[in-house]
Amino acid sequence: MIMHEEKRFVRMAYTKGQEQDFLRWGEFQFKVGDREQTIQAYKSDPTEERLFILFRDATFGKETYGAGRYLDLESDRDQTA
């Protein structure tokens, strides 16, 4: 993950239309096929270890929840070698 030097709060829609402020913490860069992709990682509190990743794909609103999908990454559980 690439950490953002300047971290700022972003207000976004969350569960059941509620809004919440998240701290824009860093980003992951990866390739899907031949296309470069970037996805943002957020924290709801700068002291916690968990990262929140929100995204949409071709199934959102049809096969999945209309606001999109999300992942909670836990540092002790989701590290890669």
C-alpha atoms as a PDB file:
ATOM      1  CA  MET A   1       0.000   0.000   0.000  1.00  0.00           C
ATOM      2  CA  ILE A   2       1.121   3.535  -0.752  1.00  0.00           C
ATOM      3  CA  MET A   3       0.457   5.814   2.224  1.00  0.00           C
ATOM      4  CA  HIS A   4      -0.885   9.313   1.532  1.00  0.00           C
ATOM      5  CA  GLU A   5       1.422  12.001   2.892  1.00  0.00           C
ATOM      6  CA  GLU A   6      -1.503  14.381   3.364  1.00  0.00           C
ATOM      7  CA  LYS A   7      -4.358  12.552   5.025  1.00  0.00           C
ATOM      8  CA  ARG A   8      -7.748  14.246   4.882  1.00  0.00           C
ATOM      9  CA  PHE A   9     -11.274  13.415   5.951  1.00  0.00           C
ATOM     10  CA  VAL A  10     -13.856  12.519   3.328  1.00  0.00           C
ATOM     11  CA  ARG A  11     -17.593  12.319   4.059  1.00  0.00           C
ATOM     12  CA  MET A  12     -19.303   9.418   2.342  1.00  0.00           C
ATOM     13  CA  ALA A  13     -22.585   7.563   2.394  1.00  0.00           C
ATOM     14  CA  TYR A  14     -22.457   4.494   4.550  1.00  0.00           C
ATOM     15  CA  THR A  15     -24.963   1.883   5.741  1.00  0.00           C
ATOM     16  CA  LYS A  16     -28.655   2.712   5.213  1.00  0.00           C
ATOM     17  CA  GLY A  17     -27.989   6.160   3.765  1.00  0.00           C
ATOM     18  CA  GLN A  18     -26.138   7.468   6.808  1.00  0.00           C
ATOM     19  CA  GLU A  19     -23.000   9.531   6.259  1.00  0.00           C
ATOM     20  CA  GLN A  20     -19.698   9.146   8.027  1.00  0.00           C
ATOM     21  CA  ASP A  21     -16.300  10.823   7.877  1.00  0.00           C
ATOM     22  CA  PHE A  22     -13.389   8.598   6.891  1.00  0.00           C
ATOM     23  CA  LEU A  23      -9.719   9.493   6.832  1.00  0.00           C
ATOM     24  CA  ARG A  24      -8.189   8.936   3.375  1.00  0.00           C
ATOM     25  CA  TRP A  25      -5.185   6.874   4.474  1.00  0.00           C
ATOM     26  CA  GLY A  26      -3.541   5.369   1.375  1.00  0.00           C
ATOM     27  CA  GLU A  27      -4.098   3.494  -1.838  1.00  0.00           C
ATOM     28  CA  PHE A  28      -3.481   0.161  -3.473  1.00  0.00           C
ATOM     29  CA  GLN A  29      -2.345   0.054  -7.107  1.00  0.00           C
ATOM     30  CA  PHE A  30      -2.808  -3.090  -9.179  1.00  0.00           C
ATOM     31  CA  LYS A  31      -3.548  -4.358 -12.667  1.00  0.00           C
ATOM     32  CA  VAL A  32      -6.705  -5.987 -13.974  1.00  0.00           C
ATOM     33  CA  GLY A  33      -5.877  -7.398 -17.375  1.00  0.00           C
ATOM     34  CA  ASP A  34      -3.902  -4.638 -19.085  1.00  0.00           C
ATOM     35  CA  ARG A  35      -5.465  -1.774 -17.107  1.00  0.00           C
ATOM     36  CA  GLU A  36      -3.848  -0.076 -14.124  1.00  0.00           C
ATOM     37  CA  GLN A  37      -6.257   0.359 -11.213  1.00  0.00           C
ATOM     38  CA  THR A  38      -6.113   2.336  -7.966  1.00  0.00           C
ATOM     39  CA  ILE A  39      -8.348   1.833  -4.960  1.00  0.00           C
ATOM     40  CA  GLN A  40      -8.410   4.065  -1.883  1.00  0.00           C
ATOM     41  CA  ALA A  41      -8.046   2.837   1.690  1.00  0.00           C
ATOM     42  CA  TYR A  42      -9.693   4.718   4.567  1.00  0.00           C
ATOM     43  CA  LYS A  43      -9.760   4.680   8.354  1.00  0.00           C
ATOM     44  CA  SER A  44     -12.603   5.858  10.546  1.00  0.00           C
ATOM     45  CA  ASP A  45     -10.094   6.629  13.315  1.00  0.00           C
ATOM     46  CA  PRO A  46      -6.349   7.310  12.772  1.00  0.00           C
ATOM     47  CA  THR A  47      -5.399   5.210  15.814  1.00  0.00           C
ATOM     48  CA  GLU A  48      -7.026   1.993  14.622  1.00  0.00           C
ATOM     49  CA  GLU A  49      -5.223  -0.602  12.525  1.00  0.00           C
ATOM     50  CA  ARG A  50      -8.194  -1.592  10.350  1.00  0.00           C
ATOM     51  CA  LEU A  51      -8.483  -0.220   6.812  1.00  0.00           C
ATOM     52  CA  PHE A  52     -11.838   0.275   5.085  1.00  0.00           C
ATOM     53  CA  ILE A  53     -11.943  -0.160   1.299  1.00  0.00           C
ATOM     54  CA  LEU A  54     -15.071   0.816  -0.597  1.00  0.00           C
ATOM     55  CA  PHE A  55     -15.587  -0.088  -4.258  1.00  0.00           C
ATOM     56  CA  ARG A  56     -18.148  -0.742  -6.942  1.00  0.00           C
ATOM     57  CA  ASP A  57     -18.108  -3.346  -9.664  1.00  0.00           C
ATOM     58  CA  ALA A  58     -20.372  -4.499 -12.471  1.00  0.00           C
ATOM     59  CA  THR A  59     -22.689  -6.307 -10.026  1.00  0.00           C
ATOM     60  CA  PHE A  60     -23.416  -3.431  -7.623  1.00  0.00           C
ATOM     61  CA  GLY A  61     -27.097  -2.557  -7.440  1.00  0.00           C
ATOM     62  CA  LYS A  62     -28.059  -5.685  -9.384  1.00  0.00           C
ATOM     63  CA  GLU A  63     -26.593  -8.688  -7.580  1.00  0.00           C
ATOM     64  CA  THR A  64     -25.210  -6.853  -4.549  1.00  0.00           C
ATOM     65  CA  TYR A  65     -26.023  -3.923  -2.280  1.00  0.00           C
ATOM     66  CA  GLY A  66     -26.736  -0.743  -4.253  1.00  0.00           C
ATOM     67  CA  ALA A  67     -24.148   1.450  -2.505  1.00  0.00           C
ATOM     68  CA  GLY A  68     -21.303  -0.870  -3.525  1.00  0.00           C
ATOM     69  CA  ARG A  69     -19.050  -3.336  -1.767  1.00  0.00           C
ATOM     70  CA  TYR A  70     -16.493  -2.946   0.968  1.00  0.00           C
ATOM     71  CA  LEU A  71     -13.655  -4.757   2.663  1.00  0.00           C
ATOM     72  CA  ASP A  72     -12.383  -4.346   6.203  1.00  0.00           C
ATOM     73  CA  LEU A  73      -8.689  -5.210   6.263  1.00  0.00           C
ATOM     74  CA  GLU A  74      -7.239  -6.163   9.635  1.00  0.00           C
ATOM     75  CA  SER A  75      -3.446  -5.834   9.959  1.00  0.00           C
ATOM     76  CA  ASP A  76      -3.012  -9.026  12.008  1.00  0.00           C
ATOM     77  CA  ARG A  77      -5.260 -11.075   9.709  1.00  0.00           C
ATOM     78  CA  ASP A  78      -4.782  -9.731   6.179  1.00  0.00           C
ATOM     79  CA  GLN A  79      -1.028  -9.332   5.691  1.00  0.00           C
ATOM     80  CA  THR A  80       0.631 -10.875   2.676  1.00  0.00           C
ATOM     81  CA  ALA A  81       4.081 -12.418   2.493  1.00  0.00           C
END
